Amino acid sequence: MIKHLMAATLAAACLFVSTVSAQESNPIDALPWQAGPMTGKIGNNATIEVPAGYKFLGPAGAKEFNRLTENPSPDVDEYLLAKQDYQWIAFFSFSDVGYVKDDEKLDADDLLKSTTEGTEESNKERKENGWRPVHVTGWAFKPQYDKGLKSLEWAFRLKGEGQSGESINYNTRLLGRRGVIEVLVLTTEQDLQASVADFKTKLPGFAFNPGEKYAEFRDGDRIAEYGLAALVTGGAAAVAAKKGLFGVIGVFLLKMWKLALIGIAAVGAAVKKFFQKKQPGTVE
């Protein structure tokens, strides 16, 4: 299934702001965040405990967040968990692909090659949308599967064309009975270790709803058409890519990547500066 998850610039964020209040504050802050402590519901499939100092955003707010940051919205609902200072933001969604068997070996080199090629293909559509191309520059963390936790994790380094810094997309896939909870943590290169470590302390607060756990599989349940490797490169899109159809994986990757967390907490200041530069009476 085509899912996830692309880049924001401060200037682009400014152009999206039209209200007077947004001119004086960070439009990201103005979204309908729910402050912790509280329990965030991830659709009908799971929950995540949100402690004090963190906040949660439902599908409507997540869609607006994507619009503000030029991140294409996926074809499913997203739920955001963020640290108050935006050191990292985690995007949660559910992929109803069925029960994914976890007996497959992972080839990091092959996965990086497929993802890099697919991303370059996705840049064609990015350019058509007027967005800067994005390039995969390598692994920040090679794929690793925890059989006990039924959790697959990896992280790519990404760079938006013309940007000085890199963004890190740290991914986790939490396997369930009927599908997979897809988690993408967006952070910066310098904050990677601290952000991932902090995010992992929140995972014990994650839980599939009763009847949805991996161990609750029953004969007759739908089996996914692919294994662990395809979770890294796009599920059904990855299968198509194996046949040379990189346009398919390109569409997937267009919606998967999240970029430019760098400076997101300063969007409010940039918005204010942007409007201060305008002459009185100027019309956009």
Protein backbone atom coordinates (compact mmCIF):
# COMPACT_ATOMS: atom_id res chain seq x y z
CA MET A 1 0.00 0.00 0.00
CA ILE A 2 1.18 3.43 -0.78
CA LYS A 3 1.83 5.29 2.42
CA HIS A 4 3.83 7.84 3.94
CA LEU A 5 5.54 10.29 4.01
CA MET A 6 8.77 16.03 2.44
CA ALA A 7 10.42 19.11 2.81
CA ALA A 8 9.82 22.43 4.48
CA THR A 9 11.67 25.68 4.18
CA LEU A 10 11.07 28.60 6.50
CA ALA A 11 10.21 30.81 3.56
CA ALA A 12 7.60 28.34 2.34
CA ALA A 13 6.11 28.10 5.80
CA CYS A 14 5.87 31.88 5.95
CA LEU A 15 3.99 32.05 2.69
CA PHE A 16 1.34 29.73 4.03
CA VAL A 17 0.56 31.99 6.99
CA SER A 18 -2.26 34.45 6.42
CA THR A 19 -3.84 35.20 9.79
CA VAL A 20 -2.82 38.07 12.04
CA SER A 21 -2.16 35.77 14.99
CA ALA A 22 0.12 33.57 12.92
CA GLN A 23 2.18 36.62 12.04
CA GLU A 24 3.15 36.96 15.70
CA SER A 25 3.60 33.28 16.63
CA ASN A 26 4.72 29.94 15.34
CA PRO A 27 1.94 28.49 13.12
CA ILE A 28 3.09 25.01 14.12
CA ASP A 29 2.37 25.89 17.76
CA ALA A 30 -1.10 27.09 16.75
CA LEU A 31 -2.15 23.61 15.63
CA PRO A 32 -4.57 21.72 17.94
CA TRP A 33 -1.91 19.90 19.95
CA GLN A 34 -2.98 18.01 23.08
CA ALA A 35 -0.46 18.46 25.88
CA GLY A 36 0.60 15.55 28.05
CA PRO A 37 -0.01 13.80 30.28
CA MET A 38 -2.72 12.12 28.21
CA THR A 39 -3.39 8.99 26.14
CA GLY A 40 -3.20 9.41 22.39
CA LYS A 41 -5.39 7.13 20.30
CA ILE A 42 -3.83 5.86 17.07
CA GLY A 43 -6.97 5.07 15.11
CA ASN A 44 -8.76 1.95 16.28
CA ASN A 45 -5.57 -0.03 16.49
CA ALA A 46 -3.34 1.27 19.28
CA THR A 47 -2.60 3.92 21.90
CA ILE A 48 0.46 5.85 23.06
CA GLU A 49 0.96 7.45 26.48
CA VAL A 50 1.98 11.11 26.15
CA PRO A 51 3.86 12.32 29.24
CA ALA A 52 4.27 15.89 30.48
CA GLY A 53 6.66 17.85 28.27
CA TYR A 54 5.32 16.21 25.11
CA LYS A 55 2.25 16.71 22.96
CA PHE A 56 -0.01 14.82 20.57
CA LEU A 57 -1.73 15.83 17.33
CA GLY A 58 -4.62 14.04 15.63
CA PRO A 59 -5.26 13.50 11.90
CA ALA A 60 -6.74 16.93 11.10
CA GLY A 61 -3.86 18.73 12.78
CA ALA A 62 -1.32 16.38 11.20
CA LYS A 63 -2.70 17.16 7.76
CA GLU A 64 -2.31 20.88 8.39
CA PHE A 65 1.21 20.31 9.72
CA ASN A 66 2.07 18.56 6.46
CA ARG A 67 0.61 21.43 4.46
CA LEU A 68 2.61 24.03 6.37
CA THR A 69 5.84 22.12 5.88
CA GLU A 70 5.30 20.97 2.27
CA ASN A 71 5.12 17.34 3.34
CA PRO A 72 2.61 15.49 1.13
CA SER A 73 -0.09 13.92 3.28
CA PRO A 74 -0.22 10.12 3.13
CA ASP A 75 -3.29 8.17 2.10
CA VAL A 76 -4.04 7.23 5.72
CA ASP A 77 -4.52 9.14 8.97
CA GLU A 78 -1.37 10.27 10.75
CA TYR A 79 -0.90 11.00 14.44
CA LEU A 80 1.99 13.10 15.74
CA LEU A 81 3.89 12.80 19.00
CA ALA A 82 6.37 15.62 19.60
CA LYS A 83 8.69 16.96 22.22
CA GLN A 84 7.57 20.43 23.25
CA ASP A 85 10.70 22.05 21.78
CA TYR A 86 10.41 20.03 18.52
CA GLN A 87 13.76 18.35 19.00
CA TRP A 88 11.98 15.42 17.39
CA ILE A 89 8.55 14.67 15.96
CA ALA A 90 7.17 11.15 15.53
CA PHE A 91 4.55 10.36 12.87
CA PHE A 92 2.35 7.32 13.57
CA SER A 93 0.03 5.58 11.09
CA PHE A 94 -1.45 2.13 10.60
CA SER A 95 -0.85 0.02 7.50
CA ASP A 96 -3.44 -2.78 7.19
CA VAL A 97 -1.22 -5.07 5.13
CA GLY A 98 -1.95 -8.13 7.20
CA TYR A 99 0.33 -10.29 9.32
CA VAL A 100 3.97 -9.75 8.28
CA LYS A 101 6.12 -12.85 8.70
CA ASP A 102 9.43 -11.97 10.35
CA ASP A 103 11.67 -14.75 9.04
CA GLU A 104 13.41 -12.72 6.30
CA LYS A 105 17.07 -11.65 6.29
CA LEU A 106 17.86 -8.00 5.53
CA ASP A 107 20.48 -6.84 3.00
CA ALA A 108 21.33 -3.23 3.94
CA ASP A 109 23.25 -2.51 0.72
CA ASP A 110 20.41 -3.72 -1.48
CA LEU A 111 17.83 -1.78 0.51
CA LEU A 112 19.86 1.43 0.30
CA LYS A 113 20.27 1.04 -3.47
CA SER A 114 16.54 0.49 -4.04
CA THR A 115 15.57 3.39 -1.81
CA THR A 116 18.07 5.78 -3.39
CA GLU A 117 16.89 4.94 -6.91
CA GLY A 118 13.25 5.25 -5.93
CA THR A 119 13.84 8.61 -4.28
CA GLU A 120 15.48 10.01 -7.41
CA GLU A 121 12.41 8.87 -9.35
CA SER A 122 10.15 10.65 -6.85
CA ASN A 123 12.02 13.90 -7.50
CA LYS A 124 10.30 14.18 -10.87
CA GLU A 125 6.96 14.71 -9.14
CA ARG A 126 8.53 16.94 -6.51
CA LYS A 127 9.77 19.27 -9.24
CA GLU A 128 6.32 19.29 -10.84
CA ASN A 129 4.92 20.44 -7.49
CA GLY A 130 7.52 23.19 -7.27
CA TRP A 131 9.37 21.53 -4.39
CA ARG A 132 13.12 21.10 -4.15
CA PRO A 133 14.48 17.60 -4.87
CA VAL A 134 15.57 15.41 -1.98
CA HIS A 135 18.45 12.94 -2.00
CA VAL A 136 19.27 9.95 0.18
CA THR A 137 22.86 10.36 1.36
CA GLY A 138 23.18 7.08 3.25
CA TRP A 139 22.28 5.17 6.37
CA ALA A 140 22.21 6.87 9.73
CA PHE A 141 21.22 3.51 11.22
CA LYS A 142 21.09 0.22 9.28
CA PRO A 143 17.97 -1.96 9.55
CA GLN A 144 17.76 -4.00 12.73
CA TYR A 145 14.95 -6.31 13.81
CA ASP A 146 14.09 -7.13 17.42
CA LYS A 147 12.31 -10.46 17.29
CA GLY A 148 11.21 -10.25 20.90
CA LEU A 149 9.60 -6.81 20.55
CA LYS A 150 8.45 -7.48 16.96
CA SER A 151 10.01 -4.16 16.03
CA LEU A 152 12.05 -3.20 12.95
CA GLU A 153 14.10 0.01 13.02
CA TRP A 154 16.35 1.93 10.63
CA ALA A 155 17.28 5.51 9.74
CA PHE A 156 18.14 7.31 6.49
CA ARG A 157 20.12 10.50 6.03
CA LEU A 158 18.34 12.93 3.70
CA LYS A 159 19.33 16.22 2.16
CA GLY A 160 17.06 18.69 0.42
CA GLU A 161 18.71 20.23 -2.64
CA GLY A 162 20.19 23.59 -1.72
CA GLN A 163 19.96 22.96 2.03
CA SER A 164 23.11 23.04 4.13
CA GLY A 165 22.06 20.51 6.77
CA GLU A 166 20.74 16.97 6.67
CA SER A 167 17.48 15.64 8.07
CA ILE A 168 17.31 12.22 9.68
CA ASN A 169 14.30 9.96 9.15
CA TYR A 170 14.37 7.31 11.87
CA ASN A 171 11.79 4.60 11.21
CA THR A 172 10.21 1.96 13.39
CA ARG A 173 7.71 -0.67 12.31
CA LEU A 174 5.71 -2.28 15.09
CA LEU A 175 4.23 -5.57 13.88
CA GLY A 176 0.67 -6.42 14.81
CA ARG A 177 -1.88 -9.10 14.06
CA ARG A 178 -3.60 -7.33 11.17
CA GLY A 179 -0.92 -4.96 10.00
CA VAL A 180 1.89 -2.65 11.00
CA ILE A 181 2.11 0.58 12.96
CA GLU A 182 4.48 2.74 10.93
CA VAL A 183 6.49 5.27 12.90
CA LEU A 184 8.77 7.89 11.44
CA VAL A 185 10.80 10.08 13.78
CA LEU A 186 12.07 13.30 12.25
CA THR A 187 15.12 14.87 13.84
CA THR A 188 18.42 16.52 12.95
CA GLU A 189 21.80 14.88 12.54
CA GLN A 190 23.22 16.49 15.66
CA ASP A 191 20.22 15.42 17.74
CA LEU A 192 19.94 11.89 16.34
CA GLN A 193 21.31 9.91 19.27
CA ALA A 194 19.52 11.93 21.93
CA SER A 195 16.26 12.03 19.99
CA VAL A 196 16.15 8.31 19.25
CA ALA A 197 17.06 7.49 22.85
CA ASP A 198 14.32 9.82 24.11
CA PHE A 199 11.76 8.44 21.64
CA LYS A 200 12.54 4.87 22.72
CA THR A 201 11.71 5.76 26.31
CA LYS A 202 8.18 6.53 25.08
CA LEU A 203 7.71 3.17 23.33
CA PRO A 204 6.83 1.29 26.55
CA GLY A 205 3.78 3.56 26.57
CA PHE A 206 2.71 2.20 23.17
CA ALA A 207 0.24 -0.68 23.05
CA PHE A 208 -1.85 -2.42 20.43
CA ASN A 209 -5.50 -2.64 21.38
CA PRO A 210 -6.78 -6.00 22.68
CA GLY A 211 -6.97 -8.52 19.84
CA GLU A 212 -4.51 -6.59 17.66
CA LYS A 213 -1.18 -7.89 19.00
CA TYR A 214 1.23 -9.94 16.86
CA ALA A 215 1.00 -12.86 19.29
CA GLU A 216 -2.79 -12.93 18.87
CA PHE A 217 -2.56 -14.16 15.27
CA ARG A 218 -5.11 -16.84 14.43
CA ASP A 219 -5.41 -19.28 11.55
CA GLY A 220 -7.39 -17.63 8.81
CA ASP A 221 -5.96 -14.14 9.40
CA ARG A 222 -4.67 -12.37 6.29
CA ILE A 223 -0.96 -12.81 5.62
CA ALA A 224 0.99 -9.89 4.14
CA GLU A 225 2.30 -10.33 0.60
CA TYR A 226 5.83 -9.36 1.64
CA GLY A 227 8.26 -9.52 4.55
CA LEU A 228 10.57 -7.27 6.56
CA ALA A 229 12.73 -5.97 3.71
CA ALA A 230 9.78 -4.48 1.86
CA LEU A 231 8.74 -2.58 4.99
CA VAL A 232 11.90 -0.50 4.57
CA THR A 233 11.34 0.40 0.93
CA GLY A 234 7.60 0.65 0.60
CA GLY A 235 5.61 -2.55 0.82
CA ALA A 236 3.80 -3.27 -2.43
CA ALA A 237 5.77 -0.45 -4.04
CA ALA A 238 8.99 -2.22 -3.13
CA VAL A 239 7.75 -5.40 -4.78
CA ALA A 240 7.09 -3.41 -7.95
CA ALA A 241 10.56 -1.84 -7.72
CA LYS A 242 12.10 -5.31 -7.75
CA LYS A 243 10.58 -5.63 -11.21
CA GLY A 244 12.16 -2.36 -12.32
CA LEU A 245 9.04 -0.22 -11.81
CA PHE A 246 10.80 2.55 -9.90
CA GLY A 247 8.00 4.96 -10.71
CA VAL A 248 5.80 3.03 -8.28
CA ILE A 249 8.27 3.14 -5.42
CA GLY A 250 8.92 6.77 -6.34
CA VAL A 251 5.31 7.68 -5.62
CA PHE A 252 5.55 5.88 -2.29
CA LEU A 253 8.76 7.67 -1.32
CA LEU A 254 7.33 11.02 -2.34
CA LYS A 255 4.82 10.57 0.47
CA MET A 256 7.17 8.90 2.92
CA TRP A 257 10.03 11.34 3.43
CA LYS A 258 9.82 14.13 5.98
CA LEU A 259 12.42 16.88 5.77
CA ALA A 260 13.64 20.12 7.27
CA LEU A 261 12.96 19.76 10.96
CA ILE A 262 16.02 22.01 11.15
CA GLY A 263 14.77 25.37 12.33
CA ILE A 264 11.12 24.36 12.73
CA ALA A 265 10.98 25.76 16.25
CA ALA A 266 12.08 29.10 14.80
CA VAL A 267 9.27 29.27 12.25
CA GLY A 268 7.45 31.81 14.38
CA ALA A 269 10.43 34.16 14.44
CA ALA A 270 10.87 33.77 10.70
CA VAL A 271 7.19 34.50 10.10
CA LYS A 272 7.42 37.69 12.13
CA LYS A 273 10.61 38.75 10.33
CA PHE A 274 9.01 37.99 6.97
CA PHE A 275 6.06 40.28 7.61
CA GLN A 276 8.22 43.01 9.11
CA LYS A 277 10.04 43.23 5.79
CA LYS A 278 6.80 43.97 3.96
CA GLN A 279 5.98 47.61 3.34
CA PRO A 280 2.68 48.98 4.73
CA GLY A 281 -0.10 48.38 2.28
CA THR A 282 1.73 45.61 0.47
CA VAL A 283 -0.60 43.01 -0.96
CA GLU A 284 0.60 39.45 -1.57
